[in-house]
Protein backbone atom coordinates (compact mmCIF):
# COMPACT_ATOMS: atom_id res chain seq x y z
CA MET A 1 21.08 -9.27 18.57
CA PRO A 2 20.70 -7.65 21.83
CA TYR A 3 17.71 -8.96 23.84
CA LEU A 4 17.05 -6.19 26.24
CA THR A 5 14.26 -7.14 29.34
CA SER A 6 15.30 -4.25 31.92
CA VAL A 7 13.39 -1.09 31.71
CA ARG A 8 16.33 0.81 32.68
CA ASP A 9 18.08 -0.71 29.42
CA ILE A 10 15.28 -0.23 27.35
CA TYR A 11 14.88 3.50 28.30
CA SER A 12 18.59 4.10 27.54
CA LEU A 13 18.65 2.54 24.33
CA ILE A 14 15.30 4.59 23.25
CA ALA A 15 17.33 7.69 24.61
CA GLU A 16 19.92 6.80 22.07
CA TYR A 17 17.43 6.19 19.25
CA THR A 18 16.01 9.95 19.66
CA GLN A 19 19.47 10.93 17.74
CA ALA A 20 18.86 8.48 14.90
CA THR A 21 17.65 10.18 11.47
CA THR A 22 15.81 6.39 10.24
CA LEU A 23 14.67 3.51 12.23
CA TRP A 24 13.68 0.00 11.03
CA ILE A 25 11.04 -1.45 13.16
CA ASP A 26 9.07 -4.58 13.45
CA THR A 27 7.16 -6.09 16.23
CA GLU A 28 5.64 -9.37 17.63
CA VAL A 29 2.29 -9.90 19.02
CA ALA A 30 0.84 -12.25 21.48
CA ASP A 31 -2.60 -13.46 21.36
CA TYR A 32 -3.04 -11.91 17.88
CA LYS A 33 -6.01 -13.68 16.90
CA SER A 34 -8.01 -12.96 20.37
CA ARG A 35 -9.74 -9.67 21.33
CA ASN A 36 -7.04 -8.45 23.29
CA PRO A 37 -3.74 -8.75 21.37
CA LYS A 38 -0.66 -7.33 23.27
CA LEU A 39 2.83 -6.44 22.08
CA SER A 40 5.38 -8.82 22.75
CA LEU A 41 8.43 -7.65 21.36
CA ILE A 42 9.75 -4.63 19.35
CA GLN A 43 12.41 -5.05 17.22
CA ILE A 44 14.50 -1.90 15.90
CA LEU A 45 17.58 -1.55 13.94
CA ASP A 46 19.45 1.94 13.10
CA ARG A 47 21.94 0.32 10.67
CA PRO A 48 20.41 -1.02 7.38
CA GLN A 49 23.79 -2.08 6.40
CA ASP A 50 23.81 -4.35 9.19
CA MET A 51 23.61 -8.23 8.01
CA SER A 52 24.61 -9.91 11.01
CA GLY A 53 21.92 -9.05 13.68
CA ASN A 54 24.22 -7.41 15.96
CA TYR A 55 22.58 -4.15 15.77
CA VAL A 56 18.90 -5.62 15.86
CA TYR A 57 17.65 -4.88 19.41
CA LEU A 58 15.06 -6.75 20.66
CA LEU A 59 12.78 -4.86 23.16
CA ASP A 60 10.82 -6.99 25.50
CA VAL A 61 7.82 -5.08 26.19
CA LEU A 62 5.34 -7.80 27.27
CA GLU A 63 3.53 -6.82 30.28
CA GLN A 64 5.40 -3.37 30.46
CA PRO A 65 2.90 -0.86 28.86
CA GLU A 66 5.28 2.32 30.19
CA VAL A 67 8.00 1.18 28.08
CA VAL A 68 5.66 1.28 24.77
CA THR A 69 4.61 4.32 25.99
CA GLU A 70 8.15 6.00 26.21
CA LEU A 71 8.88 4.68 23.01
CA ILE A 72 5.78 6.27 21.16
CA GLU A 73 6.32 9.60 23.03
CA LYS A 74 10.04 9.79 22.31
CA ILE A 75 10.44 8.03 18.88
CA LEU A 76 6.88 7.37 17.04
CA VAL A 77 5.23 10.82 17.35
CA ASN A 78 8.71 12.81 16.60
CA PRO A 79 8.31 13.76 13.02
CA ALA A 80 12.60 14.27 12.82
CA ILE A 81 12.80 10.50 13.00
CA GLU A 82 12.02 8.24 9.99
CA LYS A 83 10.38 4.97 10.87
CA VAL A 84 10.03 2.13 8.41
CA PHE A 85 7.60 -0.75 8.85
CA HIS A 86 6.23 -3.28 6.80
CA ASN A 87 2.25 -3.11 6.79
CA ALA A 88 2.53 -0.07 9.02
CA SER A 89 -1.03 -0.09 9.97
CA TYR A 90 -0.92 -3.01 11.79
CA ASP A 91 2.28 -2.16 13.96
CA LEU A 92 0.88 1.28 14.72
CA LYS A 93 -2.15 -0.08 16.33
CA PHE A 94 0.28 -0.74 18.97
CA LEU A 95 2.58 2.12 18.68
CA GLY A 96 0.71 5.19 18.79
CA GLY A 97 -1.95 5.09 15.67
CA LYS A 98 -2.40 8.28 13.79
CA GLU A 99 -0.46 10.09 16.53
CA ALA A 100 2.95 8.51 14.63
CA LYS A 101 4.65 11.16 12.56
CA ASN A 102 7.14 10.32 9.36
CA ILE A 103 6.29 6.73 9.03
CA THR A 104 7.37 5.01 5.75
CA CYS A 105 5.59 1.58 4.80
CA THR A 106 7.63 -1.08 2.69
CA LEU A 107 4.11 -2.39 1.69
CA GLU A 108 2.44 0.53 0.61
CA MET A 109 5.92 1.50 -1.39
CA ALA A 110 5.81 -1.75 -3.24
CA LYS A 111 2.44 -1.80 -4.29
CA LYS A 112 3.18 1.44 -6.16
CA ILE A 113 5.85 0.18 -7.99
CA PRO A 114 4.79 -0.98 -11.79
CA TYR A 115 4.03 -4.56 -12.09
CA TYR A 116 6.36 -5.03 -14.83
CA LEU A 117 9.31 -4.17 -12.59
CA LEU A 118 8.05 -5.81 -9.73
CA PRO A 119 6.00 -8.79 -10.69
CA LEU A 120 4.82 -10.52 -7.48
CA PRO A 121 2.02 -12.90 -6.38
CA ASN A 122 1.82 -10.81 -3.37
CA TYR A 123 3.74 -7.98 -1.08
CA LYS A 124 4.38 -10.13 1.64
CA LEU A 125 7.75 -9.03 3.31
CA GLN A 126 8.94 -13.01 2.91
CA THR A 127 8.07 -12.61 -0.83
CA LEU A 128 9.82 -9.32 -1.36
CA ALA A 129 12.93 -10.45 0.71
CA THR A 130 13.22 -13.38 -1.37
CA VAL A 131 12.56 -11.89 -4.84
CA LEU A 132 14.45 -8.65 -4.34
CA CYS A 133 17.22 -9.28 -1.94
CA GLN A 134 17.46 -13.03 -2.78
CA PHE A 135 17.01 -14.30 0.70
CA ASN A 136 16.18 -18.16 0.57
CA ASN A 137 14.47 -20.49 2.64
CA ILE A 138 12.85 -18.11 4.74
CA ASP A 139 10.93 -19.85 7.59
CA LYS A 140 7.69 -17.96 8.57
CA GLN A 141 6.43 -20.73 11.00
CA GLN A 142 7.73 -18.76 14.12
CA GLN A 143 5.41 -15.92 13.08
CA ILE A 144 2.18 -17.68 14.64
CA SER A 145 4.04 -19.14 17.44
CA ASP A 146 3.28 -18.51 21.00
CA TRP A 147 4.69 -15.06 21.80
CA GLY A 148 3.22 -14.65 24.94
CA LYS A 149 5.17 -17.29 26.25
CA ARG A 150 8.41 -16.77 28.52
CA PRO A 151 11.29 -17.66 27.84
CA LEU A 152 11.21 -17.09 24.25
CA SER A 153 12.94 -19.93 22.15
CA GLU A 154 16.05 -19.77 20.49
CA GLU A 155 14.18 -19.94 17.14
CA GLN A 156 11.53 -16.91 18.27
CA ILE A 157 14.40 -14.62 18.93
CA GLU A 158 16.39 -15.68 15.58
CA TYR A 159 13.13 -15.27 13.75
CA ALA A 160 12.54 -11.80 15.44
CA TYR A 161 15.75 -10.41 14.37
CA LEU A 162 15.83 -11.81 10.84
CA ASP A 163 12.79 -10.11 10.17
CA CYS A 164 14.47 -6.61 10.95
CA ILE A 165 17.16 -7.52 8.68
CA TYR A 166 14.63 -8.54 5.90
CA LEU A 167 13.13 -5.01 6.11
CA ALA A 168 16.07 -3.13 6.01
CA GLN A 169 17.28 -4.61 2.99
CA VAL A 170 13.96 -4.85 1.32
CA HIS A 171 13.61 -0.93 1.96
CA ALA A 172 16.65 -0.28 0.10
CA HIS A 173 15.99 -2.05 -3.12
CA LEU A 174 12.30 -0.35 -3.14
CA LEU A 175 14.25 3.13 -2.99
CA GLY A 176 16.33 1.80 -5.74
CA LEU A 177 13.04 1.11 -7.84
CA GLN A 178 11.41 4.28 -6.87
CA ALA A 179 14.28 6.05 -8.15
CA LYS A 180 13.98 4.26 -11.36
CA ILE A 181 10.36 5.24 -11.99
CA THR A 182 10.75 8.69 -11.10
CA PRO A 183 13.74 9.89 -12.95
CA ASN A 184 14.24 13.77 -13.36
CA PRO A 185 11.50 14.74 -16.40
CA ALA A 186 14.13 17.42 -17.50
CA ARG A 187 16.99 14.67 -17.97
CA GLU A 188 14.81 12.20 -19.62
CA ASP A 189 15.94 10.49 -23.30
CA LEU A 190 12.74 11.28 -25.15
CA ALA A 191 14.25 9.52 -28.39
CA SER A 192 15.11 6.22 -26.35
CA LEU A 193 11.86 6.56 -24.36
CA THR A 194 9.54 7.02 -27.26
CA GLN A 195 11.09 4.23 -29.19
CA LYS A 196 10.38 2.03 -26.19
CA TYR A 197 6.92 3.29 -25.58
CA LEU A 198 6.14 2.28 -29.14
CA GLN A 199 7.30 -1.12 -28.91
CA ILE A 200 5.22 -1.77 -25.79
CA GLU A 201 2.11 -0.09 -27.37
CA ALA A 202 2.51 -2.76 -30.38
CA GLN A 203 2.67 -5.47 -27.89
CA ARG A 204 -0.04 -4.11 -25.56
CA LYS A 205 -2.46 -4.15 -28.55
CA LEU A 206 -1.60 -7.71 -29.67
CA VAL A 207 -1.80 -9.00 -26.14
CA ASN A 208 -5.16 -6.87 -25.20
CA SER A 209 -6.60 -8.12 -28.05
CA GLU A 210 -5.80 -11.91 -27.80
CA TYR A 211 -6.79 -11.66 -24.00
CA GLU A 212 -10.37 -10.11 -24.52
CA HIS A 213 -10.88 -12.52 -27.01
CA LEU A 214 -9.96 -15.69 -24.88
CA GLN A 215 -11.76 -14.04 -21.95
CA GLU A 216 -15.05 -13.94 -24.01
CA ARG A 217 -14.60 -17.36 -25.13
CA ILE A 218 -14.12 -18.63 -21.58
CA LYS A 219 -17.20 -16.65 -20.27
CA LYS A 220 -19.56 -18.16 -23.10
CA ALA A 221 -17.96 -21.96 -22.89
CA MET A 222 -18.65 -21.57 -19.22
CA GLN A 223 -22.13 -20.45 -19.38
CA VAL A 224 -22.88 -23.00 -22.13
CA GLN A 225 -21.56 -25.70 -20.31
CA ASN A 226 -23.29 -24.59 -17.00
CA LEU A 227 -20.04 -24.02 -14.72
CA SER A 228 -19.55 -21.58 -12.13
CA GLU A 229 -15.88 -22.33 -11.89
CA THR A 230 -12.91 -24.47 -13.21
CA THR A 231 -9.50 -25.27 -11.51
CA TYR A 232 -8.24 -21.65 -12.85
CA CYS A 233 -11.35 -19.46 -13.45
CA LYS A 234 -14.48 -18.59 -11.44
CA LEU A 235 -17.69 -17.15 -13.29
CA THR A 236 -19.61 -14.67 -11.18
CA SER A 237 -22.68 -12.38 -12.34
CA TYR A 238 -24.15 -9.15 -10.92
CA GLU A 239 -27.08 -7.31 -11.71
CA ARG A 240 -27.07 -3.68 -11.93
CA LYS A 241 -30.16 -1.43 -11.07
CA THR A 242 -30.38 2.19 -12.13
CA VAL A 243 -32.98 3.96 -10.89
CA LYS A 244 -34.25 7.22 -13.11
CA ALA A 245 -36.68 9.80 -12.12
CA ASN A 246 -37.74 12.72 -13.93
CA PHE A 247 -36.23 15.98 -12.97
CA ALA A 248 -39.37 18.10 -12.87
CA GLU A 249 -41.28 15.21 -10.26
CA LEU A 250 -38.04 15.01 -8.21
CA THR A 251 -37.80 18.87 -7.84
CA LYS A 252 -41.49 19.12 -7.14
CA LEU A 253 -41.31 16.23 -4.35
CA VAL A 254 -38.44 17.91 -2.74
CA GLU A 255 -40.19 21.36 -2.26
CA THR A 256 -43.40 19.68 -1.39
CA GLU A 257 -42.16 17.58 1.36
CA GLY A 258 -39.39 19.91 2.69
CA ILE A 259 -36.57 16.99 1.73
CA ASP A 260 -33.17 18.11 2.63
CA LEU A 261 -31.44 17.61 -0.92
CA ASP A 262 -28.96 20.31 -1.81
CA PHE A 263 -25.84 19.12 -4.07
CA PRO A 264 -23.91 20.11 -6.84
CA ILE A 265 -24.76 19.14 -10.54
CA THR A 266 -22.49 18.83 -12.90
CA LEU A 267 -23.73 20.52 -16.18
CA THR A 268 -22.86 18.89 -19.19
CA GLU A 269 -22.32 20.76 -22.39
CA LYS A 270 -25.80 19.73 -23.65
CA LEU A 271 -27.47 20.87 -20.26
CA GLN A 272 -25.44 23.99 -20.42
CA LYS A 273 -26.85 24.64 -24.06
CA ASP A 274 -30.38 23.80 -23.13
CA LEU A 275 -30.29 26.33 -20.25
CA GLY A 276 -28.71 28.97 -22.31
CA ILE A 277 -29.11 32.50 -20.96
CA ASN A 278 -30.64 31.38 -18.02
CA LEU A 279 -27.61 29.81 -16.73
CA GLU A 280 -26.50 33.19 -15.73
CA LYS A 281 -29.32 33.77 -13.18
CA ILE A 282 -27.74 30.85 -11.07
CA ALA A 283 -24.21 30.60 -9.09
CA VAL A 284 -22.11 28.10 -10.51
CA ASP A 285 -18.56 27.09 -9.67
CA ILE A 286 -16.40 26.45 -12.72
CA GLU A 287 -13.78 24.51 -12.57
CA LYS A 288 -10.80 23.97 -15.22
CA SER A 289 -8.00 21.46 -15.56
CA ILE A 290 -5.84 20.37 -18.43
CA THR A 291 -5.01 17.05 -19.35
CA TYR A 292 -2.42 15.30 -21.46
CA ARG A 293 -2.46 12.46 -23.91
CA ILE A 294 -0.03 10.72 -25.78
CA THR A 295 -0.81 10.23 -29.46
CA THR A 296 1.58 8.55 -31.97
CA LYS A 297 2.09 10.01 -35.33
CA THR A 298 0.62 6.63 -36.76
CA GLU A 299 -2.63 7.11 -34.76
CA GLU A 300 -3.22 10.84 -36.33
CA GLU A 301 -2.87 9.49 -39.67
CA ASN A 302 -5.45 6.87 -39.07
CA ILE A 303 -8.20 9.45 -37.65
C-alpha cells in the first residue's frame, strides 16, 4: 500500500494510470460535516485481483489542489478509462463533477440487482463486502476519524487501502450478478424458465394475499387502539386533495385573462369519440407503443 505525499511521485503515478482501462477509486474527506469539506486522500487500485494492498496507492492530496486538478484532467474526464466508485455522486463532488466520464457506481449497480438475488438491508459498501465477498469484521470506525490531521495513523492508512480492495471485489461480484440477470434472450431455456415462473407465480399469489390481509388487520387494530406506532410498525395518514374545474369555464378564464396555459392534453377514447369528426380540425400528435404481457393458460381459461 504505497503512500505517496510527494507531488512529483503522484504526478508520475497519474501518468502511468493514463494507460489503464479501469481504475477503482475511493476518497477520504476532511471536515466532511462542515461547509468546507476537503479531500484528504485518494485511493486508487488498477489490479482488482490484488488482495494484499500492494497495488493500492494512497495519494495524500490534502492542501494540494493542483494534484487533484491533474488527476481530474488526466483521468476523471478521460472517457477511455473506466472509473469505479461506490456512491460515485459523493466522490465526484471533489473529482470533476459532471465533467467526469465513464463512471461506474457499485451503489447504483447493486440497486438494480433484483432483491431476490441480493436481499440486503442496505447497499453500503460494508454490507456488500460482507455478504458478497465474505469479508468479516469490517471496522468502519476510522471513516469518521480526523482525516485533516497529519500524520495519519496506521489504522487510518489500513482502513483507506482496505476500502479500495472491498470496492474492487464487490464490483467483480456485481458484474457476475449482472450477467446472471441479463442473459442472452435468444439462448433462454423457455421450458425451465416458464416452469420456474409458474412456481413463483403461485407462491406470489399466496404471499400477496396474506400480506395484504395482515396489513389491513394491523391498520384497523392500530386505529381502534389509538396507536401511531408499535415496535415494528408506524401508522401514517395523509389527505389527498383533488381540485376539479369545468373545462368550458377554465377555457373562458384563460382567454379573458390572457393566461399563458398551453400544454398537450391526452385524449382518452371517450374524448376522441365525443369530438368525433371535429378532431380532424386540430393538430394532434399520435404516439404508438407496443406493450407485452405474460398470461398463463390457466388465467385465460378463467376469463
